[in-house]
mmCIF file of all heavy atoms, coordinates in Angstrom:
data_MODEL
# 
_entry.id   MODEL 
# 
loop_
_atom_site.group_PDB 
_atom_site.id 
_atom_site.type_symbol 
_atom_site.label_atom_id 
_atom_site.label_alt_id 
_atom_site.label_comp_id 
_atom_site.label_asym_id 
_atom_site.label_entity_id 
_atom_site.label_seq_id 
_atom_site.pdbx_PDB_ins_code 
_atom_site.Cartn_x 
_atom_site.Cartn_y 
_atom_site.Cartn_z 
_atom_site.occupancy 
_atom_site.B_iso_or_equiv 
_atom_site.pdbx_formal_charge 
_atom_site.auth_seq_id 
_atom_site.auth_comp_id 
_atom_site.auth_asym_id 
_atom_site.auth_atom_id 
_atom_site.pdbx_PDB_model_num 
ATOM 1   N N   . LYS A 1 1  ? 22.279 -54.696 -21.734 1.00 0.00 ? 1  LYS A N   1 
ATOM 2   C CA  . LYS A 1 1  ? 21.725 -54.106 -20.519 1.00 0.00 ? 1  LYS A CA  1 
ATOM 3   C C   . LYS A 1 1  ? 20.211 -54.239 -20.489 1.00 0.00 ? 1  LYS A C   1 
ATOM 4   O O   . LYS A 1 1  ? 19.619 -54.619 -19.465 1.00 0.00 ? 1  LYS A O   1 
ATOM 5   C CB  . LYS A 1 1  ? 22.128 -52.630 -20.432 1.00 0.00 ? 1  LYS A CB  1 
ATOM 6   C CG  . LYS A 1 1  ? 21.664 -51.925 -19.177 1.00 0.00 ? 1  LYS A CG  1 
ATOM 7   C CD  . LYS A 1 1  ? 22.116 -50.469 -19.191 1.00 0.00 ? 1  LYS A CD  1 
ATOM 8   C CE  . LYS A 1 1  ? 21.616 -49.742 -17.944 1.00 0.00 ? 1  LYS A CE  1 
ATOM 9   N NZ  . LYS A 1 1  ? 22.034 -48.312 -17.939 1.00 0.00 ? 1  LYS A NZ  1 
ATOM 10  N N   . GLN A 1 2  ? 19.555 -53.959 -21.609 1.00 0.00 ? 2  GLN A N   1 
ATOM 11  C CA  . GLN A 1 2  ? 18.100 -54.080 -21.676 1.00 0.00 ? 2  GLN A CA  1 
ATOM 12  C C   . GLN A 1 2  ? 17.653 -55.522 -21.498 1.00 0.00 ? 2  GLN A C   1 
ATOM 13  O O   . GLN A 1 2  ? 16.653 -55.800 -20.826 1.00 0.00 ? 2  GLN A O   1 
ATOM 14  C CB  . GLN A 1 2  ? 17.593 -53.525 -23.006 1.00 0.00 ? 2  GLN A CB  1 
ATOM 15  C CG  . GLN A 1 2  ? 17.746 -52.012 -23.139 1.00 0.00 ? 2  GLN A CG  1 
ATOM 16  C CD  . GLN A 1 2  ? 17.288 -51.502 -24.491 1.00 0.00 ? 2  GLN A CD  1 
ATOM 17  O OE1 . GLN A 1 2  ? 16.824 -52.271 -25.325 1.00 0.00 ? 2  GLN A OE1 1 
ATOM 18  N NE2 . GLN A 1 2  ? 17.440 -50.205 -24.718 1.00 0.00 ? 2  GLN A NE2 1 
ATOM 19  N N   . ALA A 1 3  ? 18.396 -56.461 -22.108 1.00 0.00 ? 3  ALA A N   1 
ATOM 20  C CA  . ALA A 1 3  ? 18.037 -57.878 -21.974 1.00 0.00 ? 3  ALA A CA  1 
ATOM 21  C C   . ALA A 1 3  ? 18.124 -58.332 -20.519 1.00 0.00 ? 3  ALA A C   1 
ATOM 22  O O   . ALA A 1 3  ? 17.242 -59.057 -20.030 1.00 0.00 ? 3  ALA A O   1 
ATOM 23  C CB  . ALA A 1 3  ? 18.955 -58.721 -22.848 1.00 0.00 ? 3  ALA A CB  1 
ATOM 24  N N   . LYS A 1 4  ? 19.160 -57.885 -19.802 1.00 0.00 ? 4  LYS A N   1 
ATOM 25  C CA  . LYS A 1 4  ? 19.300 -58.258 -18.395 1.00 0.00 ? 4  LYS A CA  1 
ATOM 26  C C   . LYS A 1 4  ? 18.182 -57.663 -17.550 1.00 0.00 ? 4  LYS A C   1 
ATOM 27  O O   . LYS A 1 4  ? 17.660 -58.311 -16.634 1.00 0.00 ? 4  LYS A O   1 
ATOM 28  C CB  . LYS A 1 4  ? 20.661 -57.801 -17.869 1.00 0.00 ? 4  LYS A CB  1 
ATOM 29  C CG  . LYS A 1 4  ? 21.825 -58.635 -18.383 1.00 0.00 ? 4  LYS A CG  1 
ATOM 30  C CD  . LYS A 1 4  ? 23.137 -58.180 -17.767 1.00 0.00 ? 4  LYS A CD  1 
ATOM 31  C CE  . LYS A 1 4  ? 24.300 -59.031 -18.262 1.00 0.00 ? 4  LYS A CE  1 
ATOM 32  N NZ  . LYS A 1 4  ? 25.587 -58.601 -17.669 1.00 0.00 ? 4  LYS A NZ  1 
ATOM 33  N N   . GLU A 1 5  ? 17.802 -56.406 -17.844 1.00 0.00 ? 5  GLU A N   1 
ATOM 34  C CA  . GLU A 1 5  ? 16.695 -55.782 -17.101 1.00 0.00 ? 5  GLU A CA  1 
ATOM 35  C C   . GLU A 1 5  ? 15.388 -56.518 -17.336 1.00 0.00 ? 5  GLU A C   1 
ATOM 36  O O   . GLU A 1 5  ? 14.590 -56.707 -16.409 1.00 0.00 ? 5  GLU A O   1 
ATOM 37  C CB  . GLU A 1 5  ? 16.579 -54.315 -17.515 1.00 0.00 ? 5  GLU A CB  1 
ATOM 38  C CG  . GLU A 1 5  ? 17.718 -53.436 -17.017 1.00 0.00 ? 5  GLU A CG  1 
ATOM 39  C CD  . GLU A 1 5  ? 17.611 -52.013 -17.508 1.00 0.00 ? 5  GLU A CD  1 
ATOM 40  O OE1 . GLU A 1 5  ? 16.722 -51.754 -18.348 1.00 0.00 ? 5  GLU A OE1 1 
ATOM 41  O OE2 . GLU A 1 5  ? 18.401 -51.158 -17.056 1.00 0.00 ? 5  GLU A OE2 1 
ATOM 42  N N   . GLU A 1 6  ? 15.148 -56.949 -18.576 1.00 0.00 ? 6  GLU A N   1 
ATOM 43  C CA  . GLU A 1 6  ? 13.927 -57.702 -18.874 1.00 0.00 ? 6  GLU A CA  1 
ATOM 44  C C   . GLU A 1 6  ? 13.924 -59.049 -18.167 1.00 0.00 ? 6  GLU A C   1 
ATOM 45  O O   . GLU A 1 6  ? 12.886 -59.486 -17.639 1.00 0.00 ? 6  GLU A O   1 
ATOM 46  C CB  . GLU A 1 6  ? 13.801 -57.891 -20.386 1.00 0.00 ? 6  GLU A CB  1 
ATOM 47  C CG  . GLU A 1 6  ? 13.498 -56.594 -21.140 1.00 0.00 ? 6  GLU A CG  1 
ATOM 48  C CD  . GLU A 1 6  ? 13.530 -56.791 -22.636 1.00 0.00 ? 6  GLU A CD  1 
ATOM 49  O OE1 . GLU A 1 6  ? 13.796 -57.934 -23.069 1.00 0.00 ? 6  GLU A OE1 1 
ATOM 50  O OE2 . GLU A 1 6  ? 13.278 -55.806 -23.371 1.00 0.00 ? 6  GLU A OE2 1 
ATOM 51  N N   . GLU A 1 7  ? 15.068 -59.737 -18.140 1.00 0.00 ? 7  GLU A N   1 
ATOM 52  C CA  . GLU A 1 7  ? 15.158 -61.011 -17.435 1.00 0.00 ? 7  GLU A CA  1 
ATOM 53  C C   . GLU A 1 7  ? 14.904 -60.835 -15.942 1.00 0.00 ? 7  GLU A C   1 
ATOM 54  O O   . GLU A 1 7  ? 14.224 -61.641 -15.313 1.00 0.00 ? 7  GLU A O   1 
ATOM 55  C CB  . GLU A 1 7  ? 16.546 -61.630 -17.667 1.00 0.00 ? 7  GLU A CB  1 
ATOM 56  C CG  . GLU A 1 7  ? 16.769 -62.150 -19.081 1.00 0.00 ? 7  GLU A CG  1 
ATOM 57  C CD  . GLU A 1 7  ? 18.161 -62.715 -19.252 1.00 0.00 ? 7  GLU A CD  1 
ATOM 58  O OE1 . GLU A 1 7  ? 18.889 -62.780 -18.236 1.00 0.00 ? 7  GLU A OE1 1 
ATOM 59  O OE2 . GLU A 1 7  ? 18.512 -63.091 -20.378 1.00 0.00 ? 7  GLU A OE2 1 
ATOM 60  N N   . LYS A 1 8  ? 15.470 -59.761 -15.384 1.00 0.00 ? 8  LYS A N   1 
ATOM 61  C CA  . LYS A 1 8  ? 15.280 -59.497 -13.957 1.00 0.00 ? 8  LYS A CA  1 
ATOM 62  C C   . LYS A 1 8  ? 13.823 -59.216 -13.642 1.00 0.00 ? 8  LYS A C   1 
ATOM 63  O O   . LYS A 1 8  ? 13.264 -59.731 -12.660 1.00 0.00 ? 8  LYS A O   1 
ATOM 64  C CB  . LYS A 1 8  ? 16.155 -58.308 -13.542 1.00 0.00 ? 8  LYS A CB  1 
ATOM 65  C CG  . LYS A 1 8  ? 16.114 -58.006 -12.058 1.00 0.00 ? 8  LYS A CG  1 
ATOM 66  C CD  . LYS A 1 8  ? 17.040 -56.845 -11.722 1.00 0.00 ? 8  LYS A CD  1 
ATOM 67  C CE  . LYS A 1 8  ? 16.990 -56.520 -10.227 1.00 0.00 ? 8  LYS A CE  1 
ATOM 68  N NZ  . LYS A 1 8  ? 17.871 -55.376 -9.892  1.00 0.00 ? 8  LYS A NZ  1 
ATOM 69  N N   . ALA A 1 9  ? 13.173 -58.413 -14.487 1.00 0.00 ? 9  ALA A N   1 
ATOM 70  C CA  . ALA A 1 9  ? 11.757 -58.106 -14.272 1.00 0.00 ? 9  ALA A CA  1 
ATOM 71  C C   . ALA A 1 9  ? 10.901 -59.356 -14.395 1.00 0.00 ? 9  ALA A C   1 
ATOM 72  O O   . ALA A 1 9  ? 9.958  -59.568 -13.612 1.00 0.00 ? 9  ALA A O   1 
ATOM 73  C CB  . ALA A 1 9  ? 11.306 -57.049 -15.285 1.00 0.00 ? 9  ALA A CB  1 
ATOM 74  N N   . ALA A 1 10 ? 11.204 -60.218 -15.373 1.00 0.00 ? 10 ALA A N   1 
ATOM 75  C CA  . ALA A 1 10 ? 10.443 -61.454 -15.555 1.00 0.00 ? 10 ALA A CA  1 
ATOM 76  C C   . ALA A 1 10 ? 10.623 -62.379 -14.359 1.00 0.00 ? 10 ALA A C   1 
ATOM 77  O O   . ALA A 1 10 ? 9.671  -63.022 -13.895 1.00 0.00 ? 10 ALA A O   1 
ATOM 78  C CB  . ALA A 1 10 ? 10.880 -62.149 -16.835 1.00 0.00 ? 10 ALA A CB  1 
ATOM 79  N N   . ALA A 1 11 ? 11.849 -62.450 -13.825 1.00 0.00 ? 11 ALA A N   1 
ATOM 80  C CA  . ALA A 1 11 ? 12.110 -63.301 -12.660 1.00 0.00 ? 11 ALA A CA  1 
ATOM 81  C C   . ALA A 1 11 ? 11.358 -62.791 -11.431 1.00 0.00 ? 11 ALA A C   1 
ATOM 82  O O   . ALA A 1 11 ? 10.795 -63.581 -10.659 1.00 0.00 ? 11 ALA A O   1 
ATOM 83  C CB  . ALA A 1 11 ? 13.610 -63.349 -12.381 1.00 0.00 ? 11 ALA A CB  1 
ATOM 84  N N   . GLU A 1 12 ? 11.335 -61.456 -11.253 1.00 0.00 ? 12 GLU A N   1 
ATOM 85  C CA  . GLU A 1 12 ? 10.604 -60.896 -10.119 1.00 0.00 ? 12 GLU A CA  1 
ATOM 86  C C   . GLU A 1 12 ? 9.111  -61.150 -10.243 1.00 0.00 ? 12 GLU A C   1 
ATOM 87  O O   . GLU A 1 12 ? 8.431  -61.447 -9.261  1.00 0.00 ? 12 GLU A O   1 
ATOM 88  C CB  . GLU A 1 12 ? 10.887 -59.397 -10.029 1.00 0.00 ? 12 GLU A CB  1 
ATOM 89  C CG  . GLU A 1 12 ? 12.309 -59.067 -9.607  1.00 0.00 ? 12 GLU A CG  1 
ATOM 90  C CD  . GLU A 1 12 ? 12.578 -57.578 -9.623  1.00 0.00 ? 12 GLU A CD  1 
ATOM 91  O OE1 . GLU A 1 12 ? 11.694 -56.830 -10.101 1.00 0.00 ? 12 GLU A OE1 1 
ATOM 92  O OE2 . GLU A 1 12 ? 13.659 -57.156 -9.167  1.00 0.00 ? 12 GLU A OE2 1 
ATOM 93  N N   . THR A 1 13 ? 8.573  -61.052 -11.454 1.00 0.00 ? 13 THR A N   1 
ATOM 94  C CA  . THR A 1 13 ? 7.144  -61.319 -11.680 1.00 0.00 ? 13 THR A CA  1 
ATOM 95  C C   . THR A 1 13 ? 6.806  -62.768 -11.390 1.00 0.00 ? 13 THR A C   1 
ATOM 96  O O   . THR A 1 13 ? 5.793  -63.085 -10.751 1.00 0.00 ? 13 THR A O   1 
ATOM 97  C CB  . THR A 1 13 ? 6.769  -60.970 -13.137 1.00 0.00 ? 13 THR A CB  1 
ATOM 98  O OG1 . THR A 1 13 ? 7.119  -59.615 -13.388 1.00 0.00 ? 13 THR A OG1 1 
ATOM 99  C CG2 . THR A 1 13 ? 5.293  -61.166 -13.363 1.00 0.00 ? 13 THR A CG2 1 
ATOM 100 N N   . ALA A 1 14 ? 7.662  -63.690 -11.850 1.00 0.00 ? 14 ALA A N   1 
ATOM 101 C CA  . ALA A 1 14 ? 7.430  -65.111 -11.611 1.00 0.00 ? 14 ALA A CA  1 
ATOM 102 C C   . ALA A 1 14 ? 7.499  -65.435 -10.122 1.00 0.00 ? 14 ALA A C   1 
ATOM 103 O O   . ALA A 1 14 ? 6.694  -66.215 -9.602  1.00 0.00 ? 14 ALA A O   1 
ATOM 104 C CB  . ALA A 1 14 ? 8.455  -65.937 -12.385 1.00 0.00 ? 14 ALA A CB  1 
ATOM 105 N N   . ALA A 1 15 ? 8.453  -64.820 -9.427  1.00 0.00 ? 15 ALA A N   1 
ATOM 106 C CA  . ALA A 1 15 ? 8.581  -65.071 -7.990  1.00 0.00 ? 15 ALA A CA  1 
ATOM 107 C C   . ALA A 1 15 ? 7.373  -64.550 -7.234  1.00 0.00 ? 15 ALA A C   1 
ATOM 108 O O   . ALA A 1 15 ? 6.880  -65.187 -6.286  1.00 0.00 ? 15 ALA A O   1 
ATOM 109 C CB  . ALA A 1 15 ? 9.855  -64.418 -7.468  1.00 0.00 ? 15 ALA A CB  1 
ATOM 110 N N   . ALA A 1 16 ? 6.840  -63.393 -7.648  1.00 0.00 ? 16 ALA A N   1 
ATOM 111 C CA  . ALA A 1 16 ? 5.662  -62.839 -6.990  1.00 0.00 ? 16 ALA A CA  1 
ATOM 112 C C   . ALA A 1 16 ? 4.432  -63.708 -7.235  1.00 0.00 ? 16 ALA A C   1 
ATOM 113 O O   . ALA A 1 16 ? 3.570  -63.861 -6.359  1.00 0.00 ? 16 ALA A O   1 
ATOM 114 C CB  . ALA A 1 16 ? 5.401  -61.423 -7.507  1.00 0.00 ? 16 ALA A CB  1 
ATOM 115 N N   . ALA A 1 17 ? 4.334  -64.316 -8.430  1.00 0.00 ? 17 ALA A N   1 
ATOM 116 C CA  . ALA A 1 17 ? 3.176  -65.169 -8.735  1.00 0.00 ? 17 ALA A CA  1 
ATOM 117 C C   . ALA A 1 17 ? 3.210  -66.468 -7.949  1.00 0.00 ? 17 ALA A C   1 
ATOM 118 O O   . ALA A 1 17 ? 2.169  -67.018 -7.581  1.00 0.00 ? 17 ALA A O   1 
ATOM 119 C CB  . ALA A 1 17 ? 3.144  -65.458 -10.233 1.00 0.00 ? 17 ALA A CB  1 
ATOM 120 N N   . GLU A 1 18 ? 4.400  -66.995 -7.669  1.00 0.00 ? 18 GLU A N   1 
ATOM 121 C CA  . GLU A 1 18 ? 4.514  -68.256 -6.933  1.00 0.00 ? 18 GLU A CA  1 
ATOM 122 C C   . GLU A 1 18 ? 4.303  -68.080 -5.439  1.00 0.00 ? 18 GLU A C   1 
ATOM 123 O O   . GLU A 1 18 ? 3.932  -69.025 -4.747  1.00 0.00 ? 18 GLU A O   1 
ATOM 124 C CB  . GLU A 1 18 ? 5.897  -68.859 -7.185  1.00 0.00 ? 18 GLU A CB  1 
ATOM 125 C CG  . GLU A 1 18 ? 6.095  -69.326 -8.620  1.00 0.00 ? 18 GLU A CG  1 
ATOM 126 C CD  . GLU A 1 18 ? 7.504  -69.811 -8.868  1.00 0.00 ? 18 GLU A CD  1 
ATOM 127 O OE1 . GLU A 1 18 ? 8.295  -69.777 -7.894  1.00 0.00 ? 18 GLU A OE1 1 
ATOM 128 O OE2 . GLU A 1 18 ? 7.807  -70.214 -9.992  1.00 0.00 ? 18 GLU A OE2 1 
ATOM 129 N N   . THR A 1 19 ? 4.502  -66.894 -4.906  1.00 0.00 ? 19 THR A N   1 
ATOM 130 C CA  . THR A 1 19 ? 4.374  -66.664 -3.464  1.00 0.00 ? 19 THR A CA  1 
ATOM 131 C C   . THR A 1 19 ? 2.902  -66.552 -3.078  1.00 0.00 ? 19 THR A C   1 
ATOM 132 O O   . THR A 1 19 ? 2.172  -65.716 -3.606  1.00 0.00 ? 19 THR A O   1 
ATOM 133 C CB  . THR A 1 19 ? 5.096  -65.368 -3.062  1.00 0.00 ? 19 THR A CB  1 
ATOM 134 O OG1 . THR A 1 19 ? 6.456  -65.433 -3.496  1.00 0.00 ? 19 THR A OG1 1 
ATOM 135 C CG2 . THR A 1 19 ? 5.048  -65.169 -1.554  1.00 0.00 ? 19 THR A CG2 1 
ATOM 136 N N   . PRO A 1 20 ? 2.364  -67.407 -2.166  1.00 0.00 ? 20 PRO A N   1 
ATOM 137 C CA  . PRO A 1 20 ? 0.950  -67.316 -1.764  1.00 0.00 ? 20 PRO A CA  1 
ATOM 138 C C   . PRO A 1 20 ? 0.704  -66.060 -0.944  1.00 0.00 ? 20 PRO A C   1 
ATOM 139 O O   . PRO A 1 20 ? 1.573  -65.585 -0.223  1.00 0.00 ? 20 PRO A O   1 
ATOM 140 C CB  . PRO A 1 20 ? 0.748  -68.578 -0.918  1.00 0.00 ? 20 PRO A CB  1 
ATOM 141 C CG  . PRO A 1 20 ? 2.110  -68.933 -0.416  1.00 0.00 ? 20 PRO A CG  1 
ATOM 142 C CD  . PRO A 1 20 ? 3.066  -68.513 -1.482  1.00 0.00 ? 20 PRO A CD  1 
ATOM 143 N N   . MET A 1 21 ? -0.487 -65.550 -1.080  1.00 0.00 ? 21 MET A N   1 
ATOM 144 C CA  . MET A 1 21 ? -0.853 -64.343 -0.322  1.00 0.00 ? 21 MET A CA  1 
ATOM 145 C C   . MET A 1 21 ? -1.333 -64.763 1.060   1.00 0.00 ? 21 MET A C   1 
ATOM 146 O O   . MET A 1 21 ? -2.411 -65.345 1.222   1.00 0.00 ? 21 MET A O   1 
ATOM 147 C CB  . MET A 1 21 ? -1.949 -63.564 -1.053  1.00 0.00 ? 21 MET A CB  1 
ATOM 148 C CG  . MET A 1 21 ? -1.498 -63.063 -2.417  1.00 0.00 ? 21 MET A CG  1 
ATOM 149 S SD  . MET A 1 21 ? -2.781 -62.134 -3.268  1.00 0.00 ? 21 MET A SD  1 
ATOM 150 C CE  . MET A 1 21 ? -2.916 -60.723 -2.174  1.00 0.00 ? 21 MET A CE  1 
ATOM 151 N N   . GLU A 1 22 ? -0.535 -64.498 2.073   1.00 0.00 ? 22 GLU A N   1 
ATOM 152 C CA  . GLU A 1 22 ? -0.834 -64.949 3.436   1.00 0.00 ? 22 GLU A CA  1 
ATOM 153 C C   . GLU A 1 22 ? -2.032 -64.227 4.038   1.00 0.00 ? 22 GLU A C   1 
ATOM 154 O O   . GLU A 1 22 ? -2.755 -64.766 4.851   1.00 0.00 ? 22 GLU A O   1 
ATOM 155 C CB  . GLU A 1 22 ? 0.392  -64.737 4.322   1.00 0.00 ? 22 GLU A CB  1 
ATOM 156 C CG  . GLU A 1 22 ? 1.591  -65.558 3.855   1.00 0.00 ? 22 GLU A CG  1 
ATOM 157 C CD  . GLU A 1 22 ? 2.789  -65.324 4.727   1.00 0.00 ? 22 GLU A CD  1 
ATOM 158 O OE1 . GLU A 1 22 ? 2.667  -64.489 5.653   1.00 0.00 ? 22 GLU A OE1 1 
ATOM 159 O OE2 . GLU A 1 22 ? 3.821  -65.963 4.501   1.00 0.00 ? 22 GLU A OE2 1 
ATOM 160 N N   . ALA A 1 23 ? -2.268 -62.992 3.607   1.00 0.00 ? 23 ALA A N   1 
ATOM 161 C CA  . ALA A 1 23 ? -3.347 -62.212 4.224   1.00 0.00 ? 23 ALA A CA  1 
ATOM 162 C C   . ALA A 1 23 ? -4.716 -62.800 3.916   1.00 0.00 ? 23 ALA A C   1 
ATOM 163 O O   . ALA A 1 23 ? -5.645 -62.706 4.716   1.00 0.00 ? 23 ALA A O   1 
ATOM 164 C CB  . ALA A 1 23 ? -3.284 -60.774 3.735   1.00 0.00 ? 23 ALA A CB  1 
ATOM 165 N N   . ASP A 1 24 ? -4.910 -63.428 2.756   1.00 0.00 ? 24 ASP A N   1 
ATOM 166 C CA  . ASP A 1 24 ? -6.210 -63.953 2.359   1.00 0.00 ? 24 ASP A CA  1 
ATOM 167 C C   . ASP A 1 24 ? -6.415 -65.404 2.760   1.00 0.00 ? 24 ASP A C   1 
ATOM 168 O O   . ASP A 1 24 ? -7.470 -65.979 2.517   1.00 0.00 ? 24 ASP A O   1 
ATOM 169 C CB  . ASP A 1 24 ? -6.374 -63.844 0.834   1.00 0.00 ? 24 ASP A CB  1 
ATOM 170 C CG  . ASP A 1 24 ? -6.358 -62.403 0.386   1.00 0.00 ? 24 ASP A CG  1 
ATOM 171 O OD1 . ASP A 1 24 ? -6.672 -61.530 1.219   1.00 0.00 ? 24 ASP A OD1 1 
ATOM 172 O OD2 . ASP A 1 24 ? -6.022 -62.148 -0.788  1.00 0.00 ? 24 ASP A OD2 1 
ATOM 173 N N   . ALA A 1 25 ? -5.421 -66.040 3.336   1.00 0.00 ? 25 ALA A N   1 
ATOM 174 C CA  . ALA A 1 25 ? -5.535 -67.450 3.705   1.00 0.00 ? 25 ALA A CA  1 
ATOM 175 C C   . ALA A 1 25 ? -6.463 -67.580 4.912   1.00 0.00 ? 25 ALA A C   1 
ATOM 176 O O   . ALA A 1 25 ? -6.326 -66.859 5.902   1.00 0.00 ? 25 ALA A O   1 
ATOM 177 C CB  . ALA A 1 25 ? -4.159 -68.019 4.025   1.00 0.00 ? 25 ALA A CB  1 
ATOM 178 N N   . PRO A 1 26 ? -7.465 -68.517 4.847   1.00 0.00 ? 26 PRO A N   1 
ATOM 179 C CA  . PRO A 1 26 ? -8.387 -68.691 5.978   1.00 0.00 ? 26 PRO A CA  1 
ATOM 180 C C   . PRO A 1 26 ? -7.664 -69.289 7.175   1.00 0.00 ? 26 PRO A C   1 
ATOM 181 O O   . PRO A 1 26 ? -6.781 -70.130 7.022   1.00 0.00 ? 26 PRO A O   1 
ATOM 182 C CB  . PRO A 1 26 ? -9.432 -69.643 5.427   1.00 0.00 ? 26 PRO A CB  1 
ATOM 183 C CG  . PRO A 1 26 ? -8.731 -70.383 4.333   1.00 0.00 ? 26 PRO A CG  1 
ATOM 184 C CD  . PRO A 1 26 ? -7.763 -69.438 3.739   1.00 0.00 ? 26 PRO A CD  1 
# 
């Protein structure tokens, strides 16, 4: 259970890092 939670958190972090921030785009 802990391993799955860590994998899920890592996947969410990676997805957030790949998504560009639209608000700061000129």
